[in-house]
């Protein structure tokens, strides 16, 4: 996770919003259909839980 935001101090709020939306989108895709860098399922599960919490 730290690597995903390693240069966060150089990012705009919109960049960080886009990164979050990408993580949420990735977390909803089946493992077999994901492309790119591997993201641990445990992290993606936490992203979905946080996303549901933020929607309340």
N, C-alpha and C. Protein backbone atom coordinates (compact mmCIF):
# COMPACT_ATOMS: atom_id res chain seq x y z
N UNK A 1 0.83 -1.20 0.00
CA UNK A 1 0.00 0.00 0.00
C UNK A 1 0.86 1.25 0.00
N UNK A 2 1.93 1.22 0.76
CA UNK A 2 2.77 2.41 0.80
C UNK A 2 3.34 2.72 -0.57
N UNK A 3 3.65 1.70 -1.34
CA UNK A 3 4.19 1.95 -2.66
C UNK A 3 3.14 2.59 -3.57
N UNK A 4 1.87 2.26 -3.38
CA UNK A 4 0.81 2.84 -4.19
C UNK A 4 0.70 4.34 -3.98
N UNK A 5 1.09 4.83 -2.82
CA UNK A 5 1.02 6.25 -2.50
C UNK A 5 2.40 6.81 -2.14
N UNK A 6 3.45 6.19 -2.66
CA UNK A 6 4.80 6.59 -2.27
C UNK A 6 5.12 8.04 -2.60
N UNK A 7 4.51 8.59 -3.65
CA UNK A 7 4.76 9.98 -4.01
C UNK A 7 3.54 10.85 -3.76
N UNK A 8 2.77 10.50 -2.73
CA UNK A 8 1.51 11.19 -2.45
C UNK A 8 1.71 12.67 -2.14
N UNK A 9 2.89 13.03 -1.62
CA UNK A 9 3.10 14.44 -1.29
C UNK A 9 3.19 15.31 -2.55
N UNK A 10 3.32 14.69 -3.72
CA UNK A 10 3.37 15.43 -4.98
C UNK A 10 2.05 15.35 -5.75
N UNK A 11 1.07 14.71 -5.17
CA UNK A 11 -0.20 14.49 -5.86
C UNK A 11 -1.23 15.54 -5.45
N UNK A 12 -2.10 15.86 -6.38
CA UNK A 12 -3.21 16.76 -6.09
C UNK A 12 -4.33 15.95 -5.45
N UNK A 13 -5.27 16.62 -4.81
CA UNK A 13 -6.42 15.89 -4.27
C UNK A 13 -7.15 15.09 -5.36
N UNK A 14 -7.22 15.62 -6.55
CA UNK A 14 -7.89 14.89 -7.64
C UNK A 14 -7.10 13.63 -8.03
N UNK A 15 -5.77 13.72 -8.02
CA UNK A 15 -4.95 12.53 -8.29
C UNK A 15 -5.22 11.44 -7.27
N UNK A 16 -5.30 11.82 -5.99
CA UNK A 16 -5.56 10.86 -4.93
C UNK A 16 -6.97 10.28 -5.03
N UNK A 17 -7.93 11.11 -5.41
CA UNK A 17 -9.30 10.63 -5.61
C UNK A 17 -9.32 9.59 -6.73
N UNK A 18 -8.61 9.88 -7.82
CA UNK A 18 -8.55 8.94 -8.94
C UNK A 18 -7.88 7.63 -8.53
N UNK A 19 -6.82 7.71 -7.73
CA UNK A 19 -6.14 6.51 -7.24
C UNK A 19 -7.10 5.68 -6.39
N UNK A 20 -7.86 6.34 -5.52
CA UNK A 20 -8.83 5.64 -4.68
C UNK A 20 -9.89 4.97 -5.55
N UNK A 21 -10.42 5.68 -6.51
CA UNK A 21 -11.44 5.11 -7.39
C UNK A 21 -10.90 3.91 -8.16
N UNK A 22 -9.63 3.97 -8.56
CA UNK A 22 -9.01 2.85 -9.26
C UNK A 22 -8.89 1.64 -8.33
N UNK A 23 -8.51 1.88 -7.08
CA UNK A 23 -8.43 0.78 -6.11
C UNK A 23 -9.80 0.15 -5.86
N UNK A 24 -10.83 0.98 -5.74
CA UNK A 24 -12.19 0.45 -5.53
C UNK A 24 -12.60 -0.37 -6.75
N UNK A 25 -12.36 0.15 -7.93
CA UNK A 25 -12.70 -0.57 -9.16
C UNK A 25 -11.96 -1.90 -9.23
N UNK A 26 -10.67 -1.89 -8.94
CA UNK A 26 -9.86 -3.11 -8.97
C UNK A 26 -10.36 -4.12 -7.96
N UNK A 27 -10.76 -3.66 -6.80
CA UNK A 27 -11.24 -4.56 -5.75
C UNK A 27 -12.52 -5.28 -6.17
N UNK A 28 -13.26 -4.71 -7.09
CA UNK A 28 -14.51 -5.31 -7.54
C UNK A 28 -14.33 -6.29 -8.71
N UNK A 29 -13.15 -6.32 -9.28
CA UNK A 29 -12.88 -7.19 -10.42
C UNK A 29 -12.41 -8.55 -9.91
N UNK A 30 -12.86 -9.62 -10.54
CA UNK A 30 -12.41 -10.96 -10.18
C UNK A 30 -10.90 -11.07 -10.39
N UNK A 31 -10.24 -11.81 -9.52
CA UNK A 31 -8.79 -11.97 -9.57
C UNK A 31 -8.31 -12.41 -10.95
N UNK A 32 -9.04 -13.32 -11.59
CA UNK A 32 -8.64 -13.85 -12.88
C UNK A 32 -8.66 -12.78 -13.98
N UNK A 33 -9.41 -11.73 -13.78
CA UNK A 33 -9.57 -10.70 -14.81
C UNK A 33 -8.69 -9.48 -14.58
N UNK A 34 -7.96 -9.45 -13.46
CA UNK A 34 -7.12 -8.30 -13.14
C UNK A 34 -5.85 -8.31 -13.97
N UNK A 35 -5.41 -7.11 -14.33
CA UNK A 35 -4.15 -6.95 -15.06
C UNK A 35 -3.25 -6.02 -14.27
N UNK A 36 -2.01 -5.97 -14.65
CA UNK A 36 -1.09 -5.04 -14.02
C UNK A 36 -0.46 -5.59 -12.76
N UNK A 37 0.01 -4.69 -11.93
CA UNK A 37 0.73 -5.06 -10.71
C UNK A 37 -0.19 -5.76 -9.72
N UNK A 38 0.33 -6.81 -9.11
CA UNK A 38 -0.43 -7.56 -8.12
C UNK A 38 -0.71 -6.70 -6.89
N UNK A 39 -1.95 -6.73 -6.43
CA UNK A 39 -2.35 -6.05 -5.20
C UNK A 39 -2.94 -7.13 -4.30
N UNK A 40 -2.43 -7.29 -3.08
CA UNK A 40 -2.92 -8.34 -2.19
C UNK A 40 -4.43 -8.23 -1.96
N UNK A 41 -5.10 -9.39 -1.97
CA UNK A 41 -6.55 -9.41 -1.78
C UNK A 41 -6.94 -8.82 -0.44
N UNK A 42 -6.11 -9.03 0.58
CA UNK A 42 -6.41 -8.47 1.91
C UNK A 42 -6.53 -6.95 1.84
N UNK A 43 -5.66 -6.32 1.10
CA UNK A 43 -5.72 -4.86 0.92
C UNK A 43 -6.98 -4.47 0.18
N UNK A 44 -7.31 -5.19 -0.88
CA UNK A 44 -8.51 -4.86 -1.66
C UNK A 44 -9.77 -5.05 -0.83
N UNK A 45 -9.79 -6.07 0.02
CA UNK A 45 -10.93 -6.27 0.91
C UNK A 45 -11.09 -5.07 1.85
N UNK A 46 -9.96 -4.57 2.36
CA UNK A 46 -10.01 -3.40 3.24
C UNK A 46 -10.48 -2.16 2.50
N UNK A 47 -10.09 -2.05 1.23
CA UNK A 47 -10.55 -0.92 0.40
C UNK A 47 -12.06 -0.96 0.27
N UNK A 48 -12.61 -2.14 -0.01
CA UNK A 48 -14.06 -2.25 -0.17
C UNK A 48 -14.80 -1.94 1.13
N UNK A 49 -14.26 -2.41 2.24
CA UNK A 49 -14.90 -2.11 3.53
C UNK A 49 -14.88 -0.60 3.79
N UNK A 50 -13.75 0.03 3.54
CA UNK A 50 -13.66 1.48 3.74
C UNK A 50 -14.58 2.23 2.80
N UNK A 51 -14.66 1.75 1.56
CA UNK A 51 -15.53 2.40 0.58
C UNK A 51 -17.00 2.32 1.01
N UNK A 52 -17.42 1.15 1.49
CA UNK A 52 -18.80 1.02 1.97
C UNK A 52 -19.05 1.93 3.17
N UNK A 53 -18.05 2.04 4.05
CA UNK A 53 -18.18 2.92 5.21
C UNK A 53 -18.32 4.37 4.78
N UNK A 54 -17.57 4.78 3.78
CA UNK A 54 -17.62 6.17 3.30
C UNK A 54 -18.93 6.49 2.60
N UNK A 55 -19.60 5.48 2.07
CA UNK A 55 -20.87 5.70 1.37
C UNK A 55 -22.02 5.95 2.35
N UNK A 56 -21.83 5.58 3.60
CA UNK A 56 -22.91 5.75 4.58
C UNK A 56 -23.09 7.19 4.95
